[in-house]
Amino acid sequence: MRHRVKTKSFHRRKEHREALFINLAKSLILNGRIETTLPKAKALRPFIEDLVTLAKEDTVHAKRLLAQRLKDQKVAKKLYTEIAPLFKERNGGYTRIYKLEKRRIGDGGEKALIEFVEYPS
C-alpha cells in the first residue's frame, strides 16, 4: 500500500534519488531552465522551491544550509546572490513547468521544460 508515501521512487535507492534531485537543482540554478522528463520536473519543483525560499532569508545559517544541501558552494552562492533577489516579493511559485510535444527517444517518456519564472533569458 502507498499510504503516507509522498515522493516517487523513480526505481532508485534513497541516496541515488537525492543525488538525482541535487544534480537537477544545480543544473536549473546554473542554466535557468532545464529539459527533463515530466515526472522528474514535477518532483523537482518542491525541492527547488524550498531552496529558493531558504535563500530568500539571507542569513548565515541559511547560506550554510544551502551549501550543505546542494553540496556545492558556487551554486549556492549563485542561488542566494542572483536568483533569490528576483523573488523577493513573490511568496512561492518560483518555477514553471511546460509540457513539451516531443517525447524521449527510446522509451517515449513525456518531456518537460522547467524554468524559473523571473529568470532573465
PDB file of N, CA and C in Angstrom:
ATOM      1  N   MET A   1       0.838  -1.188   0.000  1.00  0.00           N
ATOM      2  CA  MET A   1       0.000   0.000   0.000  1.00  0.00           C
ATOM      3  C   MET A   1       0.880   1.247   0.000  1.00  0.00           C
ATOM      4  N   ARG A   2       0.350   2.328  -0.535  1.00  0.00           N
ATOM      5  CA  ARG A   2       1.129   3.550  -0.671  1.00  0.00           C
ATOM      6  C   ARG A   2       0.710   4.626   0.325  1.00  0.00           C
ATOM      7  N   HIS A   3       0.167   4.237   1.444  1.00  0.00           N
ATOM      8  CA  HIS A   3      -0.273   5.235   2.406  1.00  0.00           C
ATOM      9  C   HIS A   3       0.917   6.039   2.924  1.00  0.00           C
ATOM     10  N   ARG A   4       0.764   7.339   2.977  1.00  0.00           N
ATOM     11  CA  ARG A   4       1.737   8.282   3.521  1.00  0.00           C
ATOM     12  C   ARG A   4       3.066   8.279   2.761  1.00  0.00           C
ATOM     13  N   VAL A   5       3.049   7.881   1.513  1.00  0.00           N
ATOM     14  CA  VAL A   5       4.245   7.932   0.679  1.00  0.00           C
ATOM     15  C   VAL A   5       4.085   9.133  -0.244  1.00  0.00           C
ATOM     16  N   LYS A   6       4.907  10.156  -0.033  1.00  0.00           N
ATOM     17  CA  LYS A   6       4.717  11.406  -0.765  1.00  0.00           C
ATOM     18  C   LYS A   6       5.556  11.501  -2.031  1.00  0.00           C
ATOM     19  N   THR A   7       6.710  10.877  -2.034  1.00  0.00           N
ATOM     20  CA  THR A   7       7.595  11.035  -3.184  1.00  0.00           C
ATOM     21  C   THR A   7       7.610   9.788  -4.052  1.00  0.00           C
ATOM     22  N   LYS A   8       7.868   9.997  -5.326  1.00  0.00           N
ATOM     23  CA  LYS A   8       8.047   8.876  -6.240  1.00  0.00           C
ATOM     24  C   LYS A   8       9.450   8.318  -6.051  1.00  0.00           C
ATOM     25  N   SER A   9       9.595   7.031  -6.258  1.00  0.00           N
ATOM     26  CA  SER A   9      10.900   6.405  -6.039  1.00  0.00           C
ATOM     27  C   SER A   9      11.784   6.466  -7.278  1.00  0.00           C
ATOM     28  N   PHE A  10      11.196   6.583  -8.459  1.00  0.00           N
ATOM     29  CA  PHE A  10      11.934   6.560  -9.722  1.00  0.00           C
ATOM     30  C   PHE A  10      12.789   5.303  -9.839  1.00  0.00           C
ATOM     31  N   HIS A  11      12.407   4.261  -9.126  1.00  0.00           N
ATOM     32  CA  HIS A  11      13.112   2.975  -9.123  1.00  0.00           C
ATOM     33  C   HIS A  11      14.588   3.150  -8.777  1.00  0.00           C
ATOM     34  N   ARG A  12      14.846   4.014  -7.782  1.00  0.00           N
ATOM     35  CA  ARG A  12      16.204   4.261  -7.320  1.00  0.00           C
ATOM     36  C   ARG A  12      16.230   4.183  -5.798  1.00  0.00           C
ATOM     37  N   ARG A  13      17.410   3.887  -5.258  1.00  0.00           N
ATOM     38  CA  ARG A  13      17.576   3.936  -3.810  1.00  0.00           C
ATOM     39  C   ARG A  13      17.518   5.393  -3.352  1.00  0.00           C
ATOM     40  N   LYS A  14      17.353   5.582  -2.047  1.00  0.00           N
ATOM     41  CA  LYS A  14      17.210   6.923  -1.482  1.00  0.00           C
ATOM     42  C   LYS A  14      18.409   7.811  -1.821  1.00  0.00           C
ATOM     43  N   GLU A  15      19.607   7.288  -1.672  1.00  0.00           N
ATOM     44  CA  GLU A  15      20.813   8.075  -1.930  1.00  0.00           C
ATOM     45  C   GLU A  15      20.907   8.473  -3.402  1.00  0.00           C
ATOM     46  N   HIS A  16      20.560   7.549  -4.270  1.00  0.00           N
ATOM     47  CA  HIS A  16      20.605   7.822  -5.706  1.00  0.00           C
ATOM     48  C   HIS A  16      19.559   8.870  -6.084  1.00  0.00           C
ATOM     49  N   ARG A  17      18.376   8.769  -5.496  1.00  0.00           N
ATOM     50  CA  ARG A  17      17.298   9.717  -5.778  1.00  0.00           C
ATOM     51  C   ARG A  17      17.670  11.114  -5.288  1.00  0.00           C
ATOM     52  N   GLU A  18      18.265  11.211  -4.092  1.00  0.00           N
ATOM     53  CA  GLU A  18      18.688  12.510  -3.572  1.00  0.00           C
ATOM     54  C   GLU A  18      19.766  13.126  -4.464  1.00  0.00           C
ATOM     55  N   ALA A  19      20.696  12.304  -4.928  1.00  0.00           N
ATOM     56  CA  ALA A  19      21.745  12.796  -5.826  1.00  0.00           C
ATOM     57  C   ALA A  19      21.140  13.287  -7.139  1.00  0.00           C
ATOM     58  N   LEU A  20      20.128  12.585  -7.625  1.00  0.00           N
ATOM     59  CA  LEU A  20      19.437  12.998  -8.852  1.00  0.00           C
ATOM     60  C   LEU A  20      18.833  14.388  -8.686  1.00  0.00           C
ATOM     61  N   PHE A  21      18.114  14.614  -7.574  1.00  0.00           N
ATOM     62  CA  PHE A  21      17.474  15.912  -7.355  1.00  0.00           C
ATOM     63  C   PHE A  21      18.504  17.019  -7.145  1.00  0.00           C
ATOM     64  N   ILE A  22      19.602  16.710  -6.464  1.00  0.00           N
ATOM     65  CA  ILE A  22      20.646  17.713  -6.268  1.00  0.00           C
ATOM     66  C   ILE A  22      21.250  18.108  -7.611  1.00  0.00           C
ATOM     67  N   ASN A  23      21.525  17.131  -8.460  1.00  0.00           N
ATOM     68  CA  ASN A  23      22.109  17.430  -9.775  1.00  0.00           C
ATOM     69  C   ASN A  23      21.139  18.188 -10.673  1.00  0.00           C
ATOM     70  N   LEU A  24      19.854  17.820 -10.637  1.00  0.00           N
ATOM     71  CA  LEU A  24      18.861  18.564 -11.417  1.00  0.00           C
ATOM     72  C   LEU A  24      18.740  19.997 -10.902  1.00  0.00           C
ATOM     73  N   ALA A  25      18.754  20.166  -9.577  1.00  0.00           N
ATOM     74  CA  ALA A  25      18.650  21.506  -8.988  1.00  0.00           C
ATOM     75  C   ALA A  25      19.862  22.355  -9.360  1.00  0.00           C
ATOM     76  N   LYS A  26      21.056  21.763  -9.318  1.00  0.00           N
ATOM     77  CA  LYS A  26      22.265  22.501  -9.708  1.00  0.00           C
ATOM     78  C   LYS A  26      22.173  22.964 -11.158  1.00  0.00           C
ATOM     79  N   SER A  27      21.725  22.083 -12.033  1.00  0.00           N
ATOM     80  CA  SER A  27      21.599  22.445 -13.448  1.00  0.00           C
ATOM     81  C   SER A  27      20.582  23.557 -13.642  1.00  0.00           C
ATOM     82  N   LEU A  28      19.477  23.490 -12.914  1.00  0.00           N
ATOM     83  CA  LEU A  28      18.449  24.520 -13.025  1.00  0.00           C
ATOM     84  C   LEU A  28      18.969  25.862 -12.525  1.00  0.00           C
ATOM     85  N   ILE A  29      19.703  25.860 -11.425  1.00  0.00           N
ATOM     86  CA  ILE A  29      20.236  27.105 -10.871  1.00  0.00           C
ATOM     87  C   ILE A  29      21.278  27.709 -11.815  1.00  0.00           C
ATOM     88  N   LEU A  30      22.147  26.886 -12.371  1.00  0.00           N
ATOM     89  CA  LEU A  30      23.203  27.397 -13.248  1.00  0.00           C
ATOM     90  C   LEU A  30      22.676  27.857 -14.601  1.00  0.00           C
ATOM     91  N   ASN A  31      21.665  27.172 -15.145  1.00  0.00           N
ATOM     92  CA  ASN A  31      21.197  27.463 -16.502  1.00  0.00           C
ATOM     93  C   ASN A  31      19.879  28.228 -16.563  1.00  0.00           C
ATOM     94  N   GLY A  32      19.104  28.229 -15.493  1.00  0.00           N
ATOM     95  CA  GLY A  32      17.827  28.940 -15.505  1.00  0.00           C
ATOM     96  C   GLY A  32      16.677  28.106 -16.014  1.00  0.00           C
ATOM     97  N   ARG A  33      16.956  27.106 -16.828  1.00  0.00           N
ATOM     98  CA  ARG A  33      15.928  26.195 -17.335  1.00  0.00           C
ATOM     99  C   ARG A  33      16.595  24.891 -17.735  1.00  0.00           C
ATOM    100  N   ILE A  34      15.868  23.798 -17.573  1.00  0.00           N
ATOM    101  CA  ILE A  34      16.377  22.501 -17.995  1.00  0.00           C
ATOM    102  C   ILE A  34      15.250  21.703 -18.623  1.00  0.00           C
ATOM    103  N   GLU A  35      15.638  20.785 -19.478  1.00  0.00           N
ATOM    104  CA  GLU A  35      14.693  19.890 -20.126  1.00  0.00           C
ATOM    105  C   GLU A  35      14.889  18.501 -19.529  1.00  0.00           C
ATOM    106  N   THR A  36      13.821  17.930 -18.993  1.00  0.00           N
ATOM    107  CA  THR A  36      13.878  16.622 -18.360  1.00  0.00           C
ATOM    108  C   THR A  36      12.546  15.920 -18.582  1.00  0.00           C
ATOM    109  N   THR A  37      12.336  14.799 -17.926  1.00  0.00           N
ATOM    110  CA  THR A  37      11.048  14.125 -18.065  1.00  0.00           C
ATOM    111  C   THR A  37      10.022  14.807 -17.171  1.00  0.00           C
ATOM    112  N   LEU A  38       8.763  14.654 -17.495  1.00  0.00           N
ATOM    113  CA  LEU A  38       7.695  15.309 -16.744  1.00  0.00           C
ATOM    114  C   LEU A  38       7.649  14.869 -15.279  1.00  0.00           C
ATOM    115  N   PRO A  39       7.725  13.572 -14.955  1.00  0.00           N
ATOM    116  CA  PRO A  39       7.697  13.198 -13.534  1.00  0.00           C
ATOM    117  C   PRO A  39       8.877  13.753 -12.743  1.00  0.00           C
ATOM    118  N   LYS A  40      10.062  13.819 -13.360  1.00  0.00           N
ATOM    119  CA  LYS A  40      11.214  14.383 -12.659  1.00  0.00           C
ATOM    120  C   LYS A  40      11.034  15.880 -12.439  1.00  0.00           C
ATOM    121  N   ALA A  41      10.469  16.576 -13.410  1.00  0.00           N
ATOM    122  CA  ALA A  41      10.225  18.013 -13.264  1.00  0.00           C
ATOM    123  C   ALA A  41       9.215  18.275 -12.151  1.00  0.00           C
ATOM    124  N   LYS A  42       8.167  17.460 -12.094  1.00  0.00           N
ATOM    125  CA  LYS A  42       7.151  17.641 -11.054  1.00  0.00           C
ATOM    126  C   LYS A  42       7.702  17.333  -9.665  1.00  0.00           C
ATOM    127  N   ALA A  43       8.612  16.378  -9.577  1.00  0.00           N
ATOM    128  CA  ALA A  43       9.216  16.045  -8.290  1.00  0.00           C
ATOM    129  C   ALA A  43      10.284  17.062  -7.895  1.00  0.00           C
ATOM    130  N   LEU A  44      10.927  17.683  -8.876  1.00  0.00           N
ATOM    131  CA  LEU A  44      11.968  18.674  -8.604  1.00  0.00           C
ATOM    132  C   LEU A  44      11.380  19.985  -8.097  1.00  0.00           C
ATOM    133  N   ARG A  45      10.184  20.312  -8.526  1.00  0.00           N
ATOM    134  CA  ARG A  45       9.585  21.604  -8.189  1.00  0.00           C
ATOM    135  C   ARG A  45       9.552  21.893  -6.679  1.00  0.00           C
ATOM    136  N   PRO A  46       9.005  21.019  -5.811  1.00  0.00           N
ATOM    137  CA  PRO A  46       9.016  21.353  -4.381  1.00  0.00           C
ATOM    138  C   PRO A  46      10.426  21.413  -3.798  1.00  0.00           C
ATOM    139  N   PHE A  47      11.343  20.602  -4.324  1.00  0.00           N
ATOM    140  CA  PHE A  47      12.725  20.610  -3.842  1.00  0.00           C
ATOM    141  C   PHE A  47      13.374  21.963  -4.111  1.00  0.00           C
ATOM    142  N   ILE A  48      13.236  22.471  -5.324  1.00  0.00           N
ATOM    143  CA  ILE A  48      13.881  23.733  -5.692  1.00  0.00           C
ATOM    144  C   ILE A  48      13.173  24.921  -5.044  1.00  0.00           C
ATOM    145  N   GLU A  49      11.861  24.834  -4.869  1.00  0.00           N
ATOM    146  CA  GLU A  49      11.137  25.944  -4.254  1.00  0.00           C
ATOM    147  C   GLU A  49      11.513  26.094  -2.783  1.00  0.00           C
ATOM    148  N   ASP A  50      11.773  24.986  -2.086  1.00  0.00           N
ATOM    149  CA  ASP A  50      12.252  25.069  -0.709  1.00  0.00           C
ATOM    150  C   ASP A  50      13.625  25.733  -0.650  1.00  0.00           C
ATOM    151  N   LEU A  51      14.477  25.429  -1.615  1.00  0.00           N
ATOM    152  CA  LEU A  51      15.806  26.035  -1.650  1.00  0.00           C
ATOM    153  C   LEU A  51      15.725  27.543  -1.895  1.00  0.00           C
ATOM    154  N   VAL A  52      14.850  27.970  -2.798  1.00  0.00           N
ATOM    155  CA  VAL A  52      14.717  29.403  -3.088  1.00  0.00           C
ATOM    156  C   VAL A  52      14.153  30.135  -1.870  1.00  0.00           C
ATOM    157  N   THR A  53      13.174  29.537  -1.207  1.00  0.00           N
ATOM    158  CA  THR A  53      12.611  30.149   0.000  1.00  0.00           C
ATOM    159  C   THR A  53      13.680  30.284   1.071  1.00  0.00           C
ATOM    160  N   LEU A  54      14.518  29.283   1.216  1.00  0.00           N
ATOM    161  CA  LEU A  54      15.609  29.339   2.182  1.00  0.00           C
ATOM    162  C   LEU A  54      16.623  30.413   1.789  1.00  0.00           C
ATOM    163  N   ALA A  55      16.902  30.549   0.508  1.00  0.00           N
ATOM    164  CA  ALA A  55      17.872  31.545   0.039  1.00  0.00           C
ATOM    165  C   ALA A  55      17.364  32.966   0.243  1.00  0.00           C
ATOM    166  N   LYS A  56      16.055  33.159   0.249  1.00  0.00           N
ATOM    167  CA  LYS A  56      15.491  34.497   0.442  1.00  0.00           C
ATOM    168  C   LYS A  56      15.703  35.012   1.860  1.00  0.00           C
ATOM    169  N   GLU A  57      15.964  34.131   2.825  1.00  0.00           N
ATOM    170  CA  GLU A  57      16.154  34.563   4.213  1.00  0.00           C
ATOM    171  C   GLU A  57      17.404  35.410   4.382  1.00  0.00           C
ATOM    172  N   ASP A  58      18.455  35.135   3.602  1.00  0.00           N
ATOM    173  CA  ASP A  58      19.692  35.912   3.600  1.00  0.00           C
ATOM    174  C   ASP A  58      20.349  35.976   4.979  1.00  0.00           C
ATOM    175  N   THR A  59      20.462  34.826   5.633  1.00  0.00           N
ATOM    176  CA  THR A  59      21.194  34.719   6.892  1.00  0.00           C
ATOM    177  C   THR A  59      22.371  33.772   6.681  1.00  0.00           C
ATOM    178  N   VAL A  60      23.320  33.829   7.598  1.00  0.00           N
ATOM    179  CA  VAL A  60      24.484  32.951   7.505  1.00  0.00           C
ATOM    180  C   VAL A  60      24.043  31.497   7.617  1.00  0.00           C
ATOM    181  N   HIS A  61      23.100  31.240   8.516  1.00  0.00           N
ATOM    182  CA  HIS A  61      22.606  29.872   8.694  1.00  0.00           C
ATOM    183  C   HIS A  61      21.961  29.353   7.410  1.00  0.00           C
ATOM    184  N   ALA A  62      21.173  30.188   6.754  1.00  0.00           N
ATOM    185  CA  ALA A  62      20.515  29.775   5.510  1.00  0.00           C
ATOM    186  C   ALA A  62      21.550  29.497   4.419  1.00  0.00           C
ATOM    187  N   LYS A  63      22.588  30.317   4.349  1.00  0.00           N
ATOM    188  CA  LYS A  63      23.631  30.116   3.342  1.00  0.00           C
ATOM    189  C   LYS A  63      24.382  28.811   3.574  1.00  0.00           C
ATOM    190  N   ARG A  64      24.632  28.490   4.838  1.00  0.00           N
ATOM    191  CA  ARG A  64      25.318  27.232   5.146  1.00  0.00           C
ATOM    192  C   ARG A  64      24.433  26.032   4.837  1.00  0.00           C
ATOM    193  N   LEU A  65      23.138  26.151   5.120  1.00  0.00           N
ATOM    194  CA  LEU A  65      22.216  25.067   4.798  1.00  0.00           C
ATOM    195  C   LEU A  65      22.136  24.840   3.293  1.00  0.00           C
ATOM    196  N   LEU A  66      22.124  25.918   2.528  1.00  0.00           N
ATOM    197  CA  LEU A  66      22.100  25.790   1.066  1.00  0.00           C
ATOM    198  C   LEU A  66      23.350  25.085   0.551  1.00  0.00           C
ATOM    199  N   ALA A  67      24.501  25.482   1.061  1.00  0.00           N
ATOM    200  CA  ALA A  67      25.748  24.839   0.633  1.00  0.00           C
ATOM    201  C   ALA A  67      25.753  23.365   1.021  1.00  0.00           C
ATOM    202  N   GLN A  68      25.173  23.053   2.172  1.00  0.00           N
ATOM    203  CA  GLN A  68      25.115  21.667   2.626  1.00  0.00           C
ATOM    204  C   GLN A  68      24.165  20.843   1.763  1.00  0.00           C
ATOM    205  N   ARG A  69      23.017  21.399   1.423  1.00  0.00           N
ATOM    206  CA  ARG A  69      22.024  20.652   0.653  1.00  0.00           C
ATOM    207  C   ARG A  69      22.417  20.506  -0.809  1.00  0.00           C
ATOM    208  N   LEU A  70      23.027  21.533  -1.377  1.00  0.00           N
ATOM    209  CA  LEU A  70      23.423  21.474  -2.785  1.00  0.00           C
ATOM    210  C   LEU A  70      24.805  20.856  -2.983  1.00  0.00           C
ATOM    211  N   LYS A  71      25.574  20.759  -1.896  1.00  0.00           N
ATOM    212  CA  LYS A  71      26.914  20.170  -1.932  1.00  0.00           C
ATOM    213  C   LYS A  71      27.847  20.895  -2.906  1.00  0.00           C
ATOM    214  N   ASP A  72      27.601  22.197  -3.078  1.00  0.00           N
ATOM    215  CA  ASP A  72      28.436  22.994  -3.973  1.00  0.00           C
ATOM    216  C   ASP A  72      28.304  24.464  -3.571  1.00  0.00           C
ATOM    217  N   GLN A  73      29.406  25.041  -3.094  1.00  0.00           N
ATOM    218  CA  GLN A  73      29.382  26.421  -2.610  1.00  0.00           C
ATOM    219  C   GLN A  73      29.106  27.415  -3.739  1.00  0.00           C
ATOM    220  N   LYS A  74      29.658  27.159  -4.927  1.00  0.00           N
ATOM    221  CA  LYS A  74      29.497  28.085  -6.055  1.00  0.00           C
ATOM    222  C   LYS A  74      28.032  28.188  -6.481  1.00  0.00           C
ATOM    223  N   VAL A  75      27.359  27.054  -6.550  1.00  0.00           N
ATOM    224  CA  VAL A  75      25.949  27.035  -6.952  1.00  0.00           C
ATOM    225  C   VAL A  75      25.090  27.687  -5.875  1.00  0.00           C
ATOM    226  N   ALA A  76      25.400  27.405  -4.611  1.00  0.00           N
ATOM    227  CA  ALA A  76      24.645  28.008  -3.511  1.00  0.00           C
ATOM    228  C   ALA A  76      24.795  29.529  -3.531  1.00  0.00           C
ATOM    229  N   LYS A  77      26.002  30.006  -3.813  1.00  0.00           N
ATOM    230  CA  LYS A  77      26.235  31.453  -3.863  1.00  0.00           C
ATOM    231  C   LYS A  77      25.437  32.096  -4.993  1.00  0.00           C
ATOM    232  N   LYS A  78      25.385  31.440  -6.140  1.00  0.00           N
ATOM    233  CA  LYS A  78      24.595  31.981  -7.249  1.00  0.00           C
ATOM    234  C   LYS A  78      23.119  32.037  -6.874  1.00  0.00           C
ATOM    235  N   LEU A  79      22.651  31.030  -6.140  1.00  0.00           N
ATOM    236  CA  LEU A  79      21.245  30.992  -5.746  1.00  0.00           C
ATOM    237  C   LEU A  79      20.900  32.159  -4.833  1.00  0.00           C
ATOM    238  N   TYR A  80      21.718  32.433  -3.810  1.00  0.00           N
ATOM    239  CA  TYR A  80      21.332  33.496  -2.882  1.00  0.00           C
ATOM    240  C   TYR A  80      21.787  34.885  -3.299  1.00  0.00           C
ATOM    241  N   THR A  81      22.671  35.014  -4.292  1.00  0.00           N
ATOM    242  CA  THR A  81      23.053  36.357  -4.736  1.00  0.00           C
ATOM    243  C   THR A  81      22.316  36.809  -5.992  1.00  0.00           C
ATOM    244  N   GLU A  82      22.020  35.879  -6.913  1.00  0.00           N
ATOM    245  CA  GLU A  82      21.410  36.271  -8.184  1.00  0.00           C
ATOM    246  C   GLU A  82      19.937  35.889  -8.300  1.00  0.00           C
ATOM    247  N   ILE A  83      19.578  34.696  -7.867  1.00  0.00           N
ATOM    248  CA  ILE A  83      18.222  34.201  -8.116  1.00  0.00           C
ATOM    249  C   ILE A  83      17.245  34.620  -7.024  1.00  0.00           C
ATOM    250  N   ALA A  84      17.638  34.474  -5.760  1.00  0.00           N
ATOM    251  CA  ALA A  84      16.720  34.794  -4.661  1.00  0.00           C
ATOM    252  C   ALA A  84      16.253  36.256  -4.669  1.00  0.00           C
ATOM    253  N   PRO A  85      17.118  37.247  -4.979  1.00  0.00           N
ATOM    254  CA  PRO A  85      16.623  38.628  -5.012  1.00  0.00           C
ATOM    255  C   PRO A  85      15.533  38.877  -6.060  1.00  0.00           C
ATOM    256  N   LEU A  86      15.497  38.062  -7.119  1.00  0.00           N
ATOM    257  CA  LEU A  86      14.449  38.220  -8.132  1.00  0.00           C
ATOM    258  C   LEU A  86      13.063  37.894  -7.570  1.00  0.00           C
ATOM    259  N   PHE A  87      13.021  37.056  -6.528  1.00  0.00           N
ATOM    260  CA  PHE A  87      11.753  36.580  -5.981  1.00  0.00           C
ATOM    261  C   PHE A  87      11.441  37.187  -4.620  1.00  0.00           C
ATOM    262  N   LYS A  88      12.003  38.355  -4.331  1.00  0.00           N
ATOM    263  CA  LYS A  88      11.815  38.965  -3.014  1.00  0.00           C
ATOM    264  C   LYS A  88      10.341  39.225  -2.700  1.00  0.00           C
ATOM    265  N   GLU A  89       9.562  39.631  -3.680  1.00  0.00           N
ATOM    266  CA  GLU A  89       8.152  39.958  -3.472  1.00  0.00           C
ATOM    267  C   GLU A  89       7.223  38.765  -3.685  1.00  0.00           C
ATOM    268  N   ARG A  90       7.734  37.671  -4.202  1.00  0.00           N
ATOM    269  CA  ARG A  90       6.904  36.503  -4.529  1.00  0.00           C
ATOM    270  C   ARG A  90       6.903  35.520  -3.359  1.00  0.00           C
ATOM    271  N   ASN A  91       5.729  34.993  -3.029  1.00  0.00           N
ATOM    272  CA  ASN A  91       5.598  34.080  -1.896  1.00  0.00           C
ATOM    273  C   ASN A  91       5.461  32.627  -2.327  1.00  0.00           C
ATOM    274  N   GLY A  92       6.181  32.210  -3.309  1.00  0.00           N
ATOM    275  CA  GLY A  92       6.085  30.837  -3.798  1.00  0.00           C
ATOM    276  C   GLY A  92       5.800  30.858  -5.285  1.00  0.00           C
ATOM    277  N   GLY A  93       5.791  29.698  -5.885  1.00  0.00           N
ATOM    278  CA  GLY A  93       5.560  29.621  -7.322  1.00  0.00           C
ATOM    279  C   GLY A  93       6.728  30.182  -8.097  1.00  0.00           C
ATOM    280  N   TYR A  94       7.947  29.767  -7.723  1.00  0.00           N
ATOM    281  CA  TYR A  94       9.149  30.301  -8.350  1.00  0.00           C
ATOM    282  C   TYR A  94       9.473  29.619  -9.668  1.00  0.00           C
ATOM    283  N   THR A  95       8.875  28.458  -9.919  1.00  0.00           N
ATOM    284  CA  THR A  95       9.186  27.709 -11.132  1.00  0.00           C
ATOM    285  C   THR A  95       7.943  27.496 -11.976  1.00  0.00           C
ATOM    286  N   ARG A  96       8.190  27.206 -13.238  1.00  0.00           N
ATOM    287  CA  ARG A  96       7.109  26.960 -14.197  1.00  0.00           C
ATOM    288  C   ARG A  96       7.488  25.710 -14.977  1.00  0.00           C
ATOM    289  N   ILE A  97       6.485  24.857 -15.241  1.00  0.00           N
ATOM    290  CA  ILE A  97       6.724  23.629 -15.996  1.00  0.00           C
ATOM    291  C   ILE A  97       5.909  23.674 -17.277  1.00  0.00           C
ATOM    292  N   TYR A  98       6.598  23.493 -18.398  1.00  0.00           N
ATOM    293  CA  TYR A  98       5.940  23.380 -19.694  1.00  0.00           C
ATOM    294  C   TYR A  98       6.040  21.932 -20.154  1.00  0.00           C
ATOM    295  N   LYS A  99       4.938  21.372 -20.626  1.00  0.00           N
ATOM    296  CA  LYS A  99       4.993  20.056 -21.248  1.00  0.00           C
ATOM    297  C   LYS A  99       5.466  20.252 -22.684  1.00  0.00           C
ATOM    298  N   LEU A 100       6.420  19.441 -23.104  1.00  0.00           N
ATOM    299  CA  LEU A 100       6.939  19.533 -24.458  1.00  0.00           C
ATOM    300  C   LEU A 100       6.256  18.504 -25.348  1.00  0.00           C
ATOM    301  N   GLU A 101       6.127  18.861 -26.606  1.00  0.00           N
ATOM    302  CA  GLU A 101       5.434  17.990 -27.550  1.00  0.00           C
ATOM    303  C   GLU A 101       6.242  16.738 -27.863  1.00  0.00           C
ATOM    304  N   LYS A 102       7.539  16.919 -28.006  1.00  0.00           N
ATOM    305  CA  LYS A 102       8.366  15.763 -28.372  1.00  0.00           C
ATOM    306  C   LYS A 102       8.538  14.834 -27.170  1.00  0.00           C
ATOM    307  N   ARG A 103       8.621  13.547 -27.464  1.00  0.00           N
ATOM    308  CA  ARG A 103       8.827  12.545 -26.427  1.00  0.00           C
ATOM    309  C   ARG A 103      10.256  12.025 -26.509  1.00  0.00           C
ATOM    310  N   ARG A 104      10.694  11.438 -25.424  1.00  0.00           N
ATOM    311  CA  ARG A 104      12.056  10.935 -25.362  1.00  0.00           C
ATOM    312  C   ARG A 104      12.225   9.745 -26.297  1.00  0.00           C
ATOM    313  N   ILE A 105      13.313   9.750 -27.042  1.00  0.00           N
ATOM    314  CA  ILE A 105      13.600   8.645 -27.949  1.00  0.00           C
ATOM    315  C   ILE A 105      14.018   7.441 -27.103  1.00  0.00           C
ATOM    316  N   GLY A 106      13.474   6.305 -27.417  1.00  0.00           N
ATOM    317  CA  GLY A 106      13.836   5.094 -26.689  1.00  0.00           C
ATOM    318  C   GLY A 106      12.656   4.525 -25.943  1.00  0.00           C
ATOM    319  N   ASP A 107      12.140   5.283 -24.977  1.00  0.00           N
ATOM    320  CA  ASP A 107      11.008   4.767 -24.212  1.00  0.00           C
ATOM    321  C   ASP A 107       9.755   5.622 -24.349  1.00  0.00           C
ATOM    322  N   GLY A 108       9.840   6.735 -25.059  1.00  0.00           N
ATOM    323  CA  GLY A 108       8.658   7.561 -25.292  1.00  0.00           C
ATOM    324  C   GLY A 108       8.195   8.329 -24.073  1.00  0.00           C
ATOM    325  N   GLY A 109       9.098   8.584 -23.124  1.00  0.00           N
ATOM    326  CA  GLY A 109       8.732   9.326 -21.921  1.00  0.00           C
ATOM    327  C   GLY A 109       8.386  10.767 -22.236  1.00  0.00           C
ATOM    328  N   GLU A 110       7.398  11.299 -21.507  1.00  0.00           N
ATOM    329  CA  GLU A 110       6.991  12.698 -21.712  1.00  0.00           C
ATOM    330  C   GLU A 110       8.111  13.629 -21.277  1.00  0.00           C
ATOM    331  N   LYS A 111       8.415  14.620 -22.100  1.00  0.00           N
ATOM    332  CA  LYS A 111       9.446  15.597 -21.792  1.00  0.00           C
ATOM    333  C   LYS A 111       8.793  16.864 -21.256  1.00  0.00           C
ATOM    334  N   ALA A 112       9.543  17.577 -20.424  1.00  0.00           N
ATOM    335  CA  ALA A 112       9.048  18.827 -19.861  1.00  0.00           C
ATOM    336  C   ALA A 112      10.209  19.803 -19.732  1.00  0.00           C
ATOM    337  N   LEU A 113       9.867  21.075 -19.724  1.00  0.00           N
ATOM    338  CA  LEU A 113      10.837  22.141 -19.525  1.00  0.00           C
ATOM    339  C   LEU A 113      10.488  22.798 -18.202  1.00  0.00           C
ATOM    340  N   ILE A 114      11.425  22.838 -17.273  1.00  0.00           N
ATOM    341  CA  ILE A 114      11.202  23.518 -16.001  1.00  0.00           C
ATOM    342  C   ILE A 114      12.132  24.725 -15.966  1.00  0.00           C
ATOM    343  N   GLU A 115      11.586  25.882 -15.572  1.00  0.00           N
ATOM    344  CA  GLU A 115      12.374  27.107 -15.555  1.00  0.00           C
ATOM    345  C   GLU A 115      11.917  27.994 -14.418  1.00  0.00           C
ATOM    346  N   PHE A 116      12.788  28.946 -14.052  1.00  0.00           N
ATOM    347  CA  PHE A 116      12.417  29.948 -13.067  1.00  0.00           C
ATOM    348  C   PHE A 116      11.506  30.969 -13.721  1.00  0.00           C
ATOM    349  N   VAL A 117      10.523  31.451 -12.987  1.00  0.00           N
ATOM    350  CA  VAL A 117       9.535  32.381 -13.536  1.00  0.00           C
ATOM    351  C   VAL A 117      10.172  33.728 -13.863  1.00  0.00           C
ATOM    352  N   GLU A 118      10.957  34.281 -12.961  1.00  0.00           N
ATOM    353  CA  GLU A 118      11.511  35.628 -13.112  1.00  0.00           C
ATOM    354  C   GLU A 118      12.917  35.636 -13.706  1.00  0.00           C
ATOM    355  N   TYR A 119      13.416  34.503 -14.136  1.00  0.00           N
ATOM    356  CA  TYR A 119      14.805  34.425 -14.586  1.00  0.00           C
ATOM    357  C   TYR A 119      14.968  35.146 -15.917  1.00  0.00           C
ATOM    358  N   PRO A 120      15.977  36.033 -16.038  1.00  0.00           N
ATOM    359  CA  PRO A 120      16.179  36.722 -17.319  1.00  0.00           C
ATOM    360  C   PRO A 120      16.656  35.749 -18.385  1.00  0.00           C
ATOM    361  N   SER A 121      16.188  35.922 -19.597  1.00  0.00           N
ATOM    362  CA  SER A 121      16.512  34.986 -20.689  1.00  0.00           C
ATOM    363  C   SER A 121      17.939  35.095 -21.146  1.00  0.00           C
TER     364      SER A 121
END
